[in-house]
Every structure is written in structure tokens, then in C-alpha cells.
Amino acid sequence: MSPTSTGAPSDGACPAEWIEKARQGDLVAYQRIYDHYARRVLNFIYRMVNSVEEAEDLAQETFVTVYQKLGTLKDVERFEPWLFRIARNYVYQRYRSRPPAATSLDALDDDGRPETQLADVRKTPEESFDSLELEKVVGEAIGALPPKYREVFVLSALRRMSYAAIARIVRRSLPSVKTDIHRARLEVRRRVKGYLGVMP
């Protein structure tokens, strides 16, 4: 049964009831949690490592750890930051073993569709090409950010988390997180403006 059919919101935090049941070993509740968060965690990791295959591996490892350690979570209201912190830790473990892959254009949206396939079929071929080119520039701009900036930018701009939630995930002060998100946005905007500036 999907989260939507059990009354869960299509986005945002999953019901605390699921987390409580999963902590007690309820596999159905754990599956609901997985269904609710899997795509978001996968996309977050993908934006950090720029490889769909590596992102899938690390997302799987993340949820295995969640299953194993869910009983240690003291505050179910902080499940989401806890979950993303586990994912982040796996990303940085991978960084230590080897650098992230070159930026790919195969990002997936929350429905599992490639994010680069955003050109409206009603557009002319020229308009569709320009749209895909812009998507490429945005993806490359995000991929070029230092990991410290990229992770908070992805959580803020793409995952739409609050500053407070992001600060808990990365375990840094709120002012530091706000500053880095601002700097990341400026850098992405600068790169995109540079591209737009050379367009005819």
C-alpha cells in the first residue's frame, strides 16, 4: 500500500505513527517510510555524487542503516533530519575513497523521470533545445559547487527544507547554513546568467 493511500501527505514528513510502528519492528510501516522518502534521498545523494548508480547504492545503504538503527532514534519528530544525515554520512565516506563522478545529465525527478527531459512538446525544436541547454547549465552549475555548498543548496532549493532542518542535518550553526546557501545561490545564478548572456 502506498503512503498516499494510507493518508500520508504526498510530500513533507511522514506520519510519526509509521516511525513508531517501524521502531517496534513493523515491516509494513518501514516499507511505507521507505516508499515515502526513497526518491528524495536518492535525488539528494545523486546531486552530491553525480552518478545514478552510486546514488542508488548509497541510498540502499542509507535505508539499511535506518532499518538497523531506527530503534536508537529518540525523537520521532526529527526523523527526517536524522535520515538525511545518514545519507550525507555515506556520501562523505564515498568522497574519502574517491572523488565524485563528472556531472551527469541523468538526474531523476520525484516521479523517476529524467530531469533533463523538461522540454515542452508544444515548443518548437529551437525552444526545446534551448530549454535542455539551460537544464544542462543549471545541472553543471550545481555539480561545480564545493560539496559544503552543494549539499545545503540541494536541501534548500531542490528538497525545499527549512534552514533549521538543514542545520540539524549538516550539524552546523543556522547562520553558517544561511550564509552557505546564499553563496551557493549566487554562484549558480552567476553561472546561469553567464550562459543567458551569450544566448542570441
C-alpha atoms as a PDB file:
ATOM      1  CA  MET A   1       0.000   0.000   0.000  1.00  0.00           C
ATOM      2  CA  SER A   2       1.399   3.403  -0.932  1.00  0.00           C
ATOM      3  CA  PRO A   3       1.819   6.310   1.509  1.00  0.00           C
ATOM      4  CA  THR A   4      -0.799   8.335  -0.343  1.00  0.00           C
ATOM      5  CA  SER A   5      -3.411   5.639   0.071  1.00  0.00           C
ATOM      6  CA  THR A   6      -2.772   5.497   3.833  1.00  0.00           C
ATOM      7  CA  GLY A   7      -3.406   9.161   4.329  1.00  0.00           C
ATOM      8  CA  ALA A   8       0.172  10.384   4.200  1.00  0.00           C
ATOM      9  CA  PRO A   9       0.953  13.681   2.517  1.00  0.00           C
ATOM     10  CA  SER A  10       2.499  13.457  -0.935  1.00  0.00           C
ATOM     11  CA  ASP A  11       5.440  15.485   0.364  1.00  0.00           C
ATOM     12  CA  GLY A  12       6.777  16.672   3.706  1.00  0.00           C
ATOM     13  CA  ALA A  13       7.328  14.491   6.756  1.00  0.00           C
ATOM     14  CA  CYS A  14       5.735  11.073   7.018  1.00  0.00           C
ATOM     15  CA  PRO A  15       3.341  10.328   9.914  1.00  0.00           C
ATOM     16  CA  ALA A  16       5.027   9.785  13.274  1.00  0.00           C
ATOM     17  CA  GLU A  17       2.792   6.728  13.691  1.00  0.00           C
ATOM     18  CA  TRP A  18       4.701   4.941  10.913  1.00  0.00           C
ATOM     19  CA  ILE A  19       8.018   5.681  12.588  1.00  0.00           C
ATOM     20  CA  GLU A  20       6.782   4.453  15.966  1.00  0.00           C
ATOM     21  CA  LYS A  21       5.495   1.215  14.447  1.00  0.00           C
ATOM     22  CA  ALA A  22       8.669   0.703  12.440  1.00  0.00           C
ATOM     23  CA  ARG A  23      10.734   1.164  15.603  1.00  0.00           C
ATOM     24  CA  GLN A  24       8.783  -1.744  17.068  1.00  0.00           C
ATOM     25  CA  GLY A  25       9.661  -3.944  14.116  1.00  0.00           C
ATOM     26  CA  ASP A  26       6.597  -3.385  11.916  1.00  0.00           C
ATOM     27  CA  LEU A  27       7.891  -4.108   8.393  1.00  0.00           C
ATOM     28  CA  VAL A  28       4.809  -2.664   6.705  1.00  0.00           C
ATOM     29  CA  ALA A  29       5.393   0.665   8.477  1.00  0.00           C
ATOM     30  CA  TYR A  30       9.064   0.597   7.467  1.00  0.00           C
ATOM     31  CA  GLN A  31       8.083  -0.054   3.843  1.00  0.00           C
ATOM     32  CA  ARG A  32       5.782   2.972   3.964  1.00  0.00           C
ATOM     33  CA  ILE A  33       8.628   5.107   5.278  1.00  0.00           C
ATOM     34  CA  TYR A  34      10.887   3.794   2.528  1.00  0.00           C
ATOM     35  CA  ASP A  35       8.287   4.494  -0.168  1.00  0.00           C
ATOM     36  CA  HIS A  36       7.779   7.989   1.202  1.00  0.00           C
ATOM     37  CA  TYR A  37      11.445   9.011   1.297  1.00  0.00           C
ATOM     38  CA  ALA A  38      13.339   6.795  -1.160  1.00  0.00           C
ATOM     39  CA  ARG A  39      13.132   9.092  -4.183  1.00  0.00           C
ATOM     40  CA  ARG A  40      14.056  12.199  -2.164  1.00  0.00           C
ATOM     41  CA  VAL A  41      17.065  10.526  -0.591  1.00  0.00           C
ATOM     42  CA  LEU A  42      18.151   9.169  -3.975  1.00  0.00           C
ATOM     43  CA  ASN A  43      17.948  12.609  -5.578  1.00  0.00           C
ATOM     44  CA  PHE A  44      19.831  14.264  -2.724  1.00  0.00           C
ATOM     45  CA  ILE A  45      22.643  11.711  -2.974  1.00  0.00           C
ATOM     46  CA  TYR A  46      22.675  11.915  -6.762  1.00  0.00           C
ATOM     47  CA  ARG A  47      23.181  15.672  -6.658  1.00  0.00           C
ATOM     48  CA  MET A  48      26.168  15.109  -4.416  1.00  0.00           C
ATOM     49  CA  VAL A  49      27.889  12.233  -6.264  1.00  0.00           C
ATOM     50  CA  ASN A  50      26.687  12.881  -9.851  1.00  0.00           C
ATOM     51  CA  SER A  51      26.235   9.188 -10.595  1.00  0.00           C
ATOM     52  CA  VAL A  52      22.893   7.396 -10.688  1.00  0.00           C
ATOM     53  CA  GLU A  53      24.491   4.005  -9.975  1.00  0.00           C
ATOM     54  CA  GLU A  54      26.461   5.266  -6.971  1.00  0.00           C
ATOM     55  CA  ALA A  55      23.430   7.183  -5.710  1.00  0.00           C
ATOM     56  CA  GLU A  56      21.312   4.032  -5.859  1.00  0.00           C
ATOM     57  CA  ASP A  57      23.964   2.065  -3.936  1.00  0.00           C
ATOM     58  CA  LEU A  58      24.332   4.736  -1.257  1.00  0.00           C
ATOM     59  CA  ALA A  59      20.571   5.194  -0.932  1.00  0.00           C
ATOM     60  CA  GLN A  60      20.225   1.462  -0.365  1.00  0.00           C
ATOM     61  CA  GLU A  61      22.938   1.543   2.288  1.00  0.00           C
ATOM     62  CA  THR A  62      21.196   4.504   3.899  1.00  0.00           C
ATOM     63  CA  PHE A  63      17.910   2.656   4.297  1.00  0.00           C
ATOM     64  CA  VAL A  64      19.597  -0.489   5.556  1.00  0.00           C
ATOM     65  CA  THR A  65      21.184   1.628   8.292  1.00  0.00           C
ATOM     66  CA  VAL A  66      17.843   3.307   9.006  1.00  0.00           C
ATOM     67  CA  TYR A  67      16.242  -0.112   9.464  1.00  0.00           C
ATOM     68  CA  GLN A  68      19.044  -1.280  11.741  1.00  0.00           C
ATOM     69  CA  LYS A  69      19.259   1.856  13.889  1.00  0.00           C
ATOM     70  CA  LEU A  70      15.712   3.197  13.933  1.00  0.00           C
ATOM     71  CA  GLY A  71      15.309   1.949  17.483  1.00  0.00           C
ATOM     72  CA  THR A  72      18.047   4.357  18.620  1.00  0.00           C
ATOM     73  CA  LEU A  73      16.163   7.432  17.376  1.00  0.00           C
ATOM     74  CA  LYS A  74      14.919   9.239  20.466  1.00  0.00           C
ATOM     75  CA  ASP A  75      12.723  11.900  18.869  1.00  0.00           C
ATOM     76  CA  VAL A  76      10.492  10.706  16.017  1.00  0.00           C
ATOM     77  CA  GLU A  77       9.805  14.337  15.104  1.00  0.00           C
ATOM     78  CA  ARG A  78      13.441  14.575  13.991  1.00  0.00           C
ATOM     79  CA  PHE A  79      13.338  11.515  11.786  1.00  0.00           C
ATOM     80  CA  GLU A  80      13.810  13.392   8.505  1.00  0.00           C
ATOM     81  CA  PRO A  81      16.998  15.271   9.532  1.00  0.00           C
ATOM     82  CA  TRP A  82      18.285  12.015  11.024  1.00  0.00           C
ATOM     83  CA  LEU A  83      17.590  10.175   7.763  1.00  0.00           C
ATOM     84  CA  PHE A  84      19.309  12.766   5.577  1.00  0.00           C
ATOM     85  CA  ARG A  85      22.251  12.938   7.971  1.00  0.00           C
ATOM     86  CA  ILE A  86      22.778   9.198   7.491  1.00  0.00           C
ATOM     87  CA  ALA A  87      22.633   9.682   3.704  1.00  0.00           C
ATOM     88  CA  ARG A  88      25.085  12.577   3.953  1.00  0.00           C
ATOM     89  CA  ASN A  89      27.500  10.474   6.005  1.00  0.00           C
ATOM     90  CA  TYR A  90      27.540   7.784   3.328  1.00  0.00           C
ATOM     91  CA  VAL A  91      28.196  10.419   0.674  1.00  0.00           C
ATOM     92  CA  TYR A  92      31.217  11.732   2.552  1.00  0.00           C
ATOM     93  CA  GLN A  93      32.523   8.239   3.180  1.00  0.00           C
ATOM     94  CA  ARG A  94      32.428   7.729  -0.580  1.00  0.00           C
ATOM     95  CA  TYR A  95      34.147  11.085  -1.124  1.00  0.00           C
ATOM     96  CA  ARG A  96      37.006   9.958   1.083  1.00  0.00           C
ATOM     97  CA  SER A  97      37.537   6.821  -1.004  1.00  0.00           C
ATOM     98  CA  ARG A  98      37.292   8.586  -4.376  1.00  0.00           C
ATOM     99  CA  PRO A  99      36.138  11.907  -5.812  1.00  0.00           C
ATOM    100  CA  PRO A 100      32.586  12.313  -7.146  1.00  0.00           C
ATOM    101  CA  ALA A 101      31.955  11.427 -10.772  1.00  0.00           C
ATOM    102  CA  ALA A 102      31.783  14.028 -13.508  1.00  0.00           C
ATOM    103  CA  THR A 103      28.469  15.820 -13.704  1.00  0.00           C
ATOM    104  CA  SER A 104      25.828  13.726 -15.443  1.00  0.00           C
ATOM    105  CA  LEU A 105      22.572  14.816 -17.022  1.00  0.00           C
ATOM    106  CA  ASP A 106      20.668  11.749 -15.871  1.00  0.00           C
ATOM    107  CA  ALA A 107      19.113  13.239 -12.721  1.00  0.00           C
ATOM    108  CA  LEU A 108      15.721  11.851 -11.771  1.00  0.00           C
ATOM    109  CA  ASP A 109      12.707  13.807 -10.601  1.00  0.00           C
ATOM    110  CA  ASP A 110      10.386  12.669  -7.805  1.00  0.00           C
ATOM    111  CA  ASP A 111       8.435  10.513 -10.267  1.00  0.00           C
ATOM    112  CA  GLY A 112      11.549   8.755 -11.503  1.00  0.00           C
ATOM    113  CA  ARG A 113      11.705  10.642 -14.798  1.00  0.00           C
ATOM    114  CA  PRO A 114      14.961  12.162 -16.098  1.00  0.00           C
ATOM    115  CA  GLU A 115      15.062  15.793 -15.011  1.00  0.00           C
ATOM    116  CA  THR A 116      16.644  16.795 -18.285  1.00  0.00           C
ATOM    117  CA  GLN A 117      13.506  15.802 -20.176  1.00  0.00           C
ATOM    118  CA  LEU A 118      11.773  19.050 -19.337  1.00  0.00           C
ATOM    119  CA  ALA A 119      11.281  20.445 -22.812  1.00  0.00           C
ATOM    120  CA  ASP A 120       7.594  21.059 -23.510  1.00  0.00           C
ATOM    121  CA  VAL A 121       6.495  19.002 -26.501  1.00  0.00           C
ATOM    122  CA  ARG A 122       4.483  22.011 -27.651  1.00  0.00           C
ATOM    123  CA  LYS A 123       7.660  24.044 -28.033  1.00  0.00           C
ATOM    124  CA  THR A 124       9.429  24.488 -31.326  1.00  0.00           C
ATOM    125  CA  PRO A 125      12.613  22.428 -31.806  1.00  0.00           C
ATOM    126  CA  GLU A 126      14.699  25.563 -31.161  1.00  0.00           C
ATOM    127  CA  GLU A 127      12.839  26.331 -27.939  1.00  0.00           C
ATOM    128  CA  SER A 128      13.142  22.725 -26.778  1.00  0.00           C
ATOM    129  CA  PHE A 129      16.877  22.739 -27.484  1.00  0.00           C
ATOM    130  CA  ASP A 130      17.330  25.986 -25.529  1.00  0.00           C
ATOM    131  CA  SER A 131      15.358  24.556 -22.602  1.00  0.00           C
ATOM    132  CA  LEU A 132      17.519  21.431 -22.463  1.00  0.00           C
ATOM    133  CA  GLU A 133      20.672  23.513 -22.797  1.00  0.00           C
ATOM    134  CA  LEU A 134      19.603  25.636 -19.831  1.00  0.00           C
ATOM    135  CA  GLU A 135      18.870  22.497 -17.787  1.00  0.00           C
ATOM    136  CA  LYS A 136      22.368  21.300 -18.617  1.00  0.00           C
ATOM    137  CA  VAL A 137      23.889  24.600 -17.461  1.00  0.00           C
ATOM    138  CA  VAL A 138      21.927  24.529 -14.188  1.00  0.00           C
ATOM    139  CA  GLY A 139      22.949  20.920 -13.546  1.00  0.00           C
ATOM    140  CA  GLU A 140      26.580  21.707 -14.233  1.00  0.00           C
ATOM    141  CA  ALA A 141      26.418  24.801 -12.012  1.00  0.00           C
ATOM    142  CA  ILE A 142      25.129  22.708  -9.115  1.00  0.00           C
ATOM    143  CA  GLY A 143      27.696  19.992  -9.772  1.00  0.00           C
ATOM    144  CA  ALA A 144      30.516  22.544  -9.772  1.00  0.00           C
ATOM    145  CA  LEU A 145      29.690  23.828  -6.280  1.00  0.00           C
ATOM    146  CA  PRO A 146      32.034  22.739  -3.477  1.00  0.00           C
ATOM    147  CA  PRO A 147      30.410  19.864  -1.515  1.00  0.00           C
ATOM    148  CA  LYS A 148      29.901  22.140   1.509  1.00  0.00           C
ATOM    149  CA  TYR A 149      27.755  24.495  -0.585  1.00  0.00           C
ATOM    150  CA  ARG A 150      26.197  21.860  -2.815  1.00  0.00           C
ATOM    151  CA  GLU A 151      24.627  19.836  -0.016  1.00  0.00           C
ATOM    152  CA  VAL A 152      22.882  22.806   1.610  1.00  0.00           C
ATOM    153  CA  PHE A 153      21.823  24.199  -1.773  1.00  0.00           C
ATOM    154  CA  VAL A 154      20.261  20.876  -2.792  1.00  0.00           C
ATOM    155  CA  LEU A 155      18.458  20.508   0.535  1.00  0.00           C
ATOM    156  CA  SER A 156      17.174  24.078   0.342  1.00  0.00           C
ATOM    157  CA  ALA A 157      16.424  24.718  -3.335  1.00  0.00           C
ATOM    158  CA  LEU A 158      15.559  21.209  -4.511  1.00  0.00           C
ATOM    159  CA  ARG A 159      14.333  19.437  -1.384  1.00  0.00           C
ATOM    160  CA  ARG A 160      12.806  22.655  -0.020  1.00  0.00           C
ATOM    161  CA  MET A 161      13.809  22.003   3.587  1.00  0.00           C
ATOM    162  CA  SER A 162      13.850  24.727   6.196  1.00  0.00           C
ATOM    163  CA  TYR A 163      17.128  26.309   7.291  1.00  0.00           C
ATOM    164  CA  ALA A 164      16.653  24.800  10.747  1.00  0.00           C
ATOM    165  CA  ALA A 165      16.207  21.271   9.356  1.00  0.00           C
ATOM    166  CA  ILE A 166      19.270  21.666   7.146  1.00  0.00           C
ATOM    167  CA  ALA A 167      21.342  22.907  10.087  1.00  0.00           C
ATOM    168  CA  ARG A 168      20.389  19.768  12.015  1.00  0.00           C
ATOM    169  CA  ILE A 169      21.323  17.530   9.090  1.00  0.00           C
ATOM    170  CA  VAL A 170      24.750  19.059   8.481  1.00  0.00           C
ATOM    171  CA  ARG A 171      25.309  19.766  12.180  1.00  0.00           C
ATOM    172  CA  ARG A 172      26.300  23.367  11.697  1.00  0.00           C
ATOM    173  CA  SER A 173      25.011  26.646  13.044  1.00  0.00           C
ATOM    174  CA  LEU A 174      21.969  28.285  11.472  1.00  0.00           C
ATOM    175  CA  PRO A 175      23.900  31.440  10.415  1.00  0.00           C
ATOM    176  CA  SER A 176      26.563  29.290   8.745  1.00  0.00           C
ATOM    177  CA  VAL A 177      23.944  27.339   6.796  1.00  0.00           C
ATOM    178  CA  LYS A 178      22.154  30.507   5.697  1.00  0.00           C
ATOM    179  CA  THR A 179      25.427  32.044   4.541  1.00  0.00           C
ATOM    180  CA  ASP A 180      26.430  28.995   2.524  1.00  0.00           C
ATOM    181  CA  ILE A 181      23.005  28.686   0.885  1.00  0.00           C
ATOM    182  CA  HIS A 182      23.190  32.346  -0.080  1.00  0.00           C
ATOM    183  CA  ARG A 183      26.677  31.925  -1.545  1.00  0.00           C
ATOM    184  CA  ALA A 184      25.632  28.796  -3.419  1.00  0.00           C
ATOM    185  CA  ARG A 185      22.620  30.568  -4.905  1.00  0.00           C
ATOM    186  CA  LEU A 186      24.782  33.476  -6.020  1.00  0.00           C
ATOM    187  CA  GLU A 187      27.239  31.109  -7.697  1.00  0.00           C
ATOM    188  CA  VAL A 188      24.531  29.143  -9.500  1.00  0.00           C
ATOM    189  CA  ARG A 189      22.860  32.393 -10.567  1.00  0.00           C
ATOM    190  CA  ARG A 190      26.195  33.748 -11.804  1.00  0.00           C
ATOM    191  CA  ARG A 191      26.811  30.706 -13.975  1.00  0.00           C
ATOM    192  CA  VAL A 192      23.287  30.694 -15.373  1.00  0.00           C
ATOM    193  CA  LYS A 193      23.442  34.427 -16.116  1.00  0.00           C
ATOM    194  CA  GLY A 194      26.730  33.849 -17.908  1.00  0.00           C
ATOM    195  CA  TYR A 195      25.020  31.324 -20.134  1.00  0.00           C
ATOM    196  CA  LEU A 196      21.999  33.544 -20.764  1.00  0.00           C
ATOM    197  CA  GLY A 197      24.306  36.435 -21.567  1.00  0.00           C
ATOM    198  CA  VAL A 198      25.788  34.639 -24.568  1.00  0.00           C
ATOM    199  CA  MET A 199      22.454  33.499 -25.934  1.00  0.00           C
ATOM    200  CA  PRO A 200      21.309  35.323 -29.094  1.00  0.00           C
END
